Amino acid sequence: MTAIQQDVIIEQGATFQQLWELQNKDLTSGYTFLAKFRASHTAAAAVLTVTSFTVVKSGSHTHVTGTVSALVTAALDAPANGVYDLEATKTADGSVTREAEGSFYITPESTK
C-alpha cells in the first residue's frame, strides 16, 4: 500500500505533536515507528528525528502521534523546510513500511 501524503508544520519553540491517521490498518501491536525530517531526500543529516509515539486503534484505522518537546524544537533552525517520512518496523521480522511522507516547514519563534 502506498504511503499517505501529508505535509507538516513545526513551530519552533513549541511542543510538536503530529497525528498520522493510517487507514484500514492495525499497527497497534508489534510495530515500532520512526520519522526523520531532512532538508532534502539526499541530505546526510536529519534536521529532526522523532522517536516518541503514541499509537491508538480508532475503528479500522491506526492513529500514530509523534511528539517532540519544545526544548528540542527551540533548537531547530527556522525558517526551514524539507521532506520527511514515517516508517513502521514490524518487530517480528524487521520488515519496514513507509506509512507517511511529505514536506515540512519550520516556522520561526518570535517569543523567546
N, C-alpha and C. Protein backbone atom coordinates (compact mmCIF):
# COMPACT_ATOMS: atom_id res chain seq x y z
N MET A 1 0.84 -1.18 0.00
CA MET A 1 0.00 0.00 0.00
C MET A 1 0.89 1.25 0.00
N THR A 2 0.50 2.26 -0.69
CA THR A 2 1.26 3.50 -0.82
C THR A 2 1.17 4.34 0.45
N ALA A 3 2.26 5.00 0.79
CA ALA A 3 2.29 5.89 1.96
C ALA A 3 1.34 7.06 1.74
N ILE A 4 0.71 7.50 2.84
CA ILE A 4 -0.15 8.69 2.74
C ILE A 4 0.72 9.92 2.56
N GLN A 5 0.21 10.90 1.85
CA GLN A 5 0.89 12.18 1.65
C GLN A 5 0.31 13.19 2.64
N GLN A 6 1.16 13.75 3.48
CA GLN A 6 0.70 14.71 4.48
C GLN A 6 1.82 15.69 4.79
N ASP A 7 1.58 16.96 4.53
CA ASP A 7 2.55 17.99 4.85
C ASP A 7 2.44 18.38 6.33
N VAL A 8 3.56 18.84 6.90
CA VAL A 8 3.66 19.09 8.33
C VAL A 8 4.23 20.47 8.59
N ILE A 9 3.67 21.16 9.59
CA ILE A 9 4.22 22.43 10.06
C ILE A 9 4.76 22.22 11.47
N ILE A 10 5.99 22.62 11.69
CA ILE A 10 6.63 22.53 13.00
C ILE A 10 6.85 23.96 13.49
N GLU A 11 6.35 24.27 14.66
CA GLU A 11 6.51 25.60 15.24
C GLU A 11 7.73 25.60 16.15
N GLN A 12 8.74 26.38 15.79
CA GLN A 12 9.96 26.48 16.58
C GLN A 12 9.60 26.93 17.99
N GLY A 13 10.12 26.24 19.00
CA GLY A 13 9.91 26.63 20.39
C GLY A 13 8.61 26.15 21.01
N ALA A 14 7.82 25.38 20.26
CA ALA A 14 6.55 24.83 20.78
C ALA A 14 6.62 23.31 20.76
N THR A 15 5.88 22.67 21.67
CA THR A 15 5.79 21.22 21.64
C THR A 15 5.17 20.80 20.31
N PHE A 16 5.83 19.90 19.62
CA PHE A 16 5.38 19.42 18.32
C PHE A 16 4.64 18.11 18.51
N GLN A 17 3.40 18.07 18.05
CA GLN A 17 2.63 16.83 18.02
C GLN A 17 2.02 16.69 16.64
N GLN A 18 2.28 15.55 16.01
CA GLN A 18 1.75 15.31 14.68
C GLN A 18 0.98 14.00 14.68
N LEU A 19 -0.26 14.07 14.21
CA LEU A 19 -1.11 12.88 14.10
C LEU A 19 -1.11 12.40 12.66
N TRP A 20 -0.82 11.12 12.49
CA TRP A 20 -0.98 10.46 11.20
C TRP A 20 -2.07 9.42 11.36
N GLU A 21 -3.11 9.50 10.53
CA GLU A 21 -4.20 8.52 10.55
C GLU A 21 -3.95 7.51 9.43
N LEU A 22 -3.59 6.30 9.82
CA LEU A 22 -3.27 5.25 8.86
C LEU A 22 -4.53 4.41 8.66
N GLN A 23 -5.13 4.56 7.51
CA GLN A 23 -6.44 3.98 7.25
C GLN A 23 -6.38 2.49 6.97
N ASN A 24 -7.37 1.80 7.52
CA ASN A 24 -7.57 0.36 7.29
C ASN A 24 -6.34 -0.47 7.66
N LYS A 25 -5.72 -0.10 8.78
CA LYS A 25 -4.55 -0.82 9.27
C LYS A 25 -4.63 -0.94 10.78
N ASP A 26 -4.10 -2.03 11.31
CA ASP A 26 -3.93 -2.17 12.74
C ASP A 26 -2.44 -2.35 13.02
N LEU A 27 -1.80 -1.28 13.42
CA LEU A 27 -0.36 -1.28 13.72
C LEU A 27 -0.12 -1.00 15.20
N THR A 28 -1.09 -1.39 16.03
CA THR A 28 -1.01 -1.05 17.45
C THR A 28 -0.14 -2.01 18.26
N SER A 29 0.17 -3.16 17.72
CA SER A 29 0.96 -4.13 18.46
C SER A 29 2.01 -4.75 17.53
N GLY A 30 3.24 -4.85 18.02
CA GLY A 30 4.29 -5.50 17.24
C GLY A 30 4.97 -4.60 16.23
N TYR A 31 4.85 -3.28 16.40
CA TYR A 31 5.49 -2.33 15.48
C TYR A 31 6.19 -1.24 16.27
N THR A 32 7.28 -0.73 15.71
CA THR A 32 7.92 0.47 16.21
C THR A 32 7.89 1.49 15.07
N PHE A 33 7.97 2.76 15.44
CA PHE A 33 7.87 3.84 14.46
C PHE A 33 9.08 4.76 14.54
N LEU A 34 9.40 5.39 13.42
CA LEU A 34 10.50 6.34 13.33
C LEU A 34 10.16 7.34 12.23
N ALA A 35 10.35 8.62 12.51
CA ALA A 35 10.16 9.67 11.49
C ALA A 35 11.43 10.51 11.44
N LYS A 36 11.89 10.77 10.21
CA LYS A 36 13.06 11.63 10.03
C LYS A 36 12.70 12.76 9.08
N PHE A 37 13.16 13.95 9.46
CA PHE A 37 12.93 15.17 8.69
C PHE A 37 14.29 15.64 8.18
N ARG A 38 14.42 15.84 6.87
CA ARG A 38 15.68 16.24 6.25
C ARG A 38 15.46 17.44 5.33
N ALA A 39 16.51 18.19 5.10
CA ALA A 39 16.43 19.35 4.20
C ALA A 39 16.12 18.91 2.76
N SER A 40 16.57 17.72 2.39
CA SER A 40 16.26 17.15 1.07
C SER A 40 16.35 15.64 1.19
N HIS A 41 15.87 14.94 0.18
CA HIS A 41 15.93 13.48 0.22
C HIS A 41 17.35 12.95 0.33
N THR A 42 18.30 13.70 -0.21
CA THR A 42 19.69 13.24 -0.23
C THR A 42 20.56 13.82 0.89
N ALA A 43 19.99 14.65 1.75
CA ALA A 43 20.76 15.25 2.85
C ALA A 43 21.25 14.15 3.80
N ALA A 44 22.52 14.22 4.16
CA ALA A 44 23.11 13.20 5.03
C ALA A 44 22.56 13.25 6.45
N ALA A 45 22.38 14.45 6.98
CA ALA A 45 21.94 14.60 8.37
C ALA A 45 20.45 14.93 8.44
N ALA A 46 19.83 14.41 9.46
CA ALA A 46 18.41 14.74 9.70
C ALA A 46 18.33 16.06 10.47
N VAL A 47 17.36 16.88 10.10
CA VAL A 47 17.05 18.12 10.82
C VAL A 47 16.39 17.77 12.15
N LEU A 48 15.53 16.73 12.12
CA LEU A 48 14.77 16.33 13.30
C LEU A 48 14.47 14.84 13.17
N THR A 49 14.61 14.12 14.28
CA THR A 49 14.24 12.71 14.34
C THR A 49 13.20 12.54 15.44
N VAL A 50 12.09 11.90 15.09
CA VAL A 50 11.02 11.66 16.06
C VAL A 50 11.04 10.18 16.44
N THR A 51 11.17 9.92 17.74
CA THR A 51 11.20 8.55 18.25
C THR A 51 10.13 8.27 19.29
N SER A 52 9.40 9.31 19.72
CA SER A 52 8.36 9.16 20.74
C SER A 52 6.99 9.16 20.07
N PHE A 53 6.28 8.04 20.19
CA PHE A 53 4.99 7.89 19.52
C PHE A 53 3.95 7.30 20.45
N THR A 54 2.71 7.74 20.27
CA THR A 54 1.55 7.12 20.88
C THR A 54 0.77 6.49 19.74
N VAL A 55 0.39 5.23 19.91
CA VAL A 55 -0.30 4.50 18.85
C VAL A 55 -1.63 3.99 19.40
N VAL A 56 -2.74 4.36 18.73
CA VAL A 56 -4.08 4.03 19.21
C VAL A 56 -4.92 3.53 18.03
N LYS A 57 -5.69 2.49 18.27
CA LYS A 57 -6.63 1.99 17.27
C LYS A 57 -7.89 2.82 17.35
N SER A 58 -8.40 3.25 16.19
CA SER A 58 -9.64 4.03 16.12
C SER A 58 -10.47 3.48 14.96
N GLY A 59 -11.43 2.64 15.30
CA GLY A 59 -12.21 1.98 14.25
C GLY A 59 -11.30 1.06 13.46
N SER A 60 -11.29 1.22 12.14
CA SER A 60 -10.42 0.39 11.31
C SER A 60 -9.07 1.05 11.05
N HIS A 61 -8.82 2.18 11.69
CA HIS A 61 -7.60 2.94 11.46
C HIS A 61 -6.65 2.86 12.66
N THR A 62 -5.41 3.21 12.41
CA THR A 62 -4.43 3.38 13.47
C THR A 62 -4.02 4.84 13.51
N HIS A 63 -4.12 5.45 14.68
CA HIS A 63 -3.66 6.83 14.87
C HIS A 63 -2.28 6.78 15.50
N VAL A 64 -1.31 7.34 14.78
CA VAL A 64 0.07 7.41 15.27
C VAL A 64 0.38 8.89 15.51
N THR A 65 0.69 9.23 16.76
CA THR A 65 1.01 10.61 17.11
C THR A 65 2.46 10.69 17.57
N GLY A 66 3.25 11.47 16.84
CA GLY A 66 4.63 11.71 17.22
C GLY A 66 4.73 12.99 18.02
N THR A 67 5.60 12.99 19.02
CA THR A 67 5.75 14.15 19.91
C THR A 67 7.22 14.50 20.09
N VAL A 68 7.51 15.81 20.04
CA VAL A 68 8.85 16.34 20.28
C VAL A 68 8.70 17.53 21.23
N SER A 69 9.57 17.63 22.20
CA SER A 69 9.46 18.69 23.21
C SER A 69 9.76 20.08 22.64
N ALA A 70 9.25 21.09 23.33
CA ALA A 70 9.50 22.48 22.95
C ALA A 70 10.99 22.81 23.04
N LEU A 71 11.69 22.20 23.96
CA LEU A 71 13.13 22.42 24.10
C LEU A 71 13.87 21.98 22.83
N VAL A 72 13.45 20.87 22.26
CA VAL A 72 14.08 20.36 21.03
C VAL A 72 13.72 21.25 19.84
N THR A 73 12.44 21.62 19.71
CA THR A 73 12.06 22.45 18.55
C THR A 73 12.65 23.85 18.64
N ALA A 74 12.92 24.34 19.85
CA ALA A 74 13.53 25.67 20.01
C ALA A 74 14.93 25.70 19.41
N ALA A 75 15.59 24.56 19.36
CA ALA A 75 16.95 24.49 18.83
C ALA A 75 17.00 24.32 17.30
N LEU A 76 15.84 24.16 16.67
CA LEU A 76 15.81 24.00 15.22
C LEU A 76 16.04 25.33 14.52
N ASP A 77 16.74 25.30 13.39
CA ASP A 77 16.89 26.49 12.56
C ASP A 77 15.56 26.80 11.90
N ALA A 78 15.19 28.07 11.88
CA ALA A 78 13.93 28.46 11.26
C ALA A 78 14.07 29.85 10.68
N PRO A 79 13.41 30.15 9.59
CA PRO A 79 12.54 29.24 8.84
C PRO A 79 13.37 28.21 8.08
N ALA A 80 12.75 27.06 7.89
CA ALA A 80 13.39 25.97 7.15
C ALA A 80 12.32 25.06 6.59
N ASN A 81 12.68 24.33 5.56
CA ASN A 81 11.73 23.38 5.00
C ASN A 81 12.48 22.17 4.47
N GLY A 82 11.74 21.13 4.12
CA GLY A 82 12.35 19.92 3.60
C GLY A 82 11.33 18.82 3.44
N VAL A 83 11.79 17.59 3.57
CA VAL A 83 10.95 16.41 3.38
C VAL A 83 11.07 15.49 4.59
N TYR A 84 10.08 14.62 4.76
CA TYR A 84 10.11 13.67 5.87
C TYR A 84 9.42 12.38 5.43
N ASP A 85 9.63 11.34 6.22
CA ASP A 85 8.78 10.17 6.11
C ASP A 85 8.65 9.51 7.48
N LEU A 86 7.59 8.74 7.61
CA LEU A 86 7.28 7.97 8.82
C LEU A 86 7.32 6.51 8.43
N GLU A 87 8.15 5.74 9.13
CA GLU A 87 8.26 4.31 8.85
C GLU A 87 7.81 3.48 10.04
N ALA A 88 7.22 2.33 9.71
CA ALA A 88 6.83 1.35 10.72
C ALA A 88 7.69 0.11 10.51
N THR A 89 8.27 -0.39 11.59
CA THR A 89 9.06 -1.62 11.53
C THR A 89 8.33 -2.71 12.30
N LYS A 90 8.10 -3.82 11.63
CA LYS A 90 7.46 -4.98 12.26
C LYS A 90 8.52 -5.70 13.08
N THR A 91 8.30 -5.76 14.40
CA THR A 91 9.33 -6.31 15.29
C THR A 91 9.56 -7.79 15.06
N ALA A 92 8.57 -8.53 14.60
CA ALA A 92 8.71 -9.98 14.40
C ALA A 92 9.73 -10.33 13.32
N ASP A 93 9.78 -9.55 12.23
CA ASP A 93 10.68 -9.91 11.13
C ASP A 93 11.56 -8.77 10.63
N GLY A 94 11.41 -7.57 11.21
CA GLY A 94 12.24 -6.44 10.82
C GLY A 94 11.83 -5.77 9.52
N SER A 95 10.71 -6.18 8.94
CA SER A 95 10.26 -5.56 7.69
C SER A 95 9.81 -4.13 7.96
N VAL A 96 10.11 -3.24 7.01
CA VAL A 96 9.83 -1.81 7.15
C VAL A 96 8.87 -1.37 6.07
N THR A 97 7.86 -0.58 6.46
CA THR A 97 6.95 0.03 5.50
C THR A 97 6.94 1.53 5.72
N ARG A 98 6.87 2.27 4.64
CA ARG A 98 6.73 3.72 4.73
C ARG A 98 5.24 3.99 4.84
N GLU A 99 4.82 4.60 5.94
CA GLU A 99 3.39 4.84 6.19
C GLU A 99 2.95 6.24 5.79
N ALA A 100 3.84 7.22 5.89
CA ALA A 100 3.50 8.61 5.54
C ALA A 100 4.75 9.30 5.02
N GLU A 101 4.53 10.32 4.20
CA GLU A 101 5.62 11.12 3.68
C GLU A 101 5.07 12.47 3.25
N GLY A 102 5.97 13.42 3.11
CA GLY A 102 5.55 14.74 2.66
C GLY A 102 6.62 15.79 2.89
N SER A 103 6.19 17.02 2.85
CA SER A 103 7.06 18.16 3.08
C SER A 103 6.84 18.69 4.49
N PHE A 104 7.82 19.41 5.00
CA PHE A 104 7.63 20.08 6.28
C PHE A 104 8.15 21.51 6.17
N TYR A 105 7.64 22.35 7.06
CA TYR A 105 8.08 23.74 7.17
C TYR A 105 8.21 24.07 8.65
N ILE A 106 9.33 24.66 9.03
CA ILE A 106 9.55 25.09 10.41
C ILE A 106 9.32 26.60 10.45
N THR A 107 8.32 27.02 11.23
CA THR A 107 8.03 28.44 11.39
C THR A 107 8.87 29.01 12.54
N PRO A 108 9.43 30.20 12.36
CA PRO A 108 10.29 30.77 13.40
C PRO A 108 9.49 31.28 14.61
N GLU A 109 10.12 31.16 15.75
CA GLU A 109 9.54 31.64 17.01
C GLU A 109 9.95 33.09 17.21
N SER A 110 9.01 33.93 17.64
CA SER A 110 9.36 35.31 17.97
C SER A 110 9.34 35.55 19.48
N THR A 111 8.66 34.70 20.24
CA THR A 111 8.64 34.81 21.69
C THR A 111 9.68 33.86 22.24
N LYS A 112 10.77 34.45 22.74
CA LYS A 112 11.86 33.61 23.26
C LYS A 112 12.18 33.95 24.66
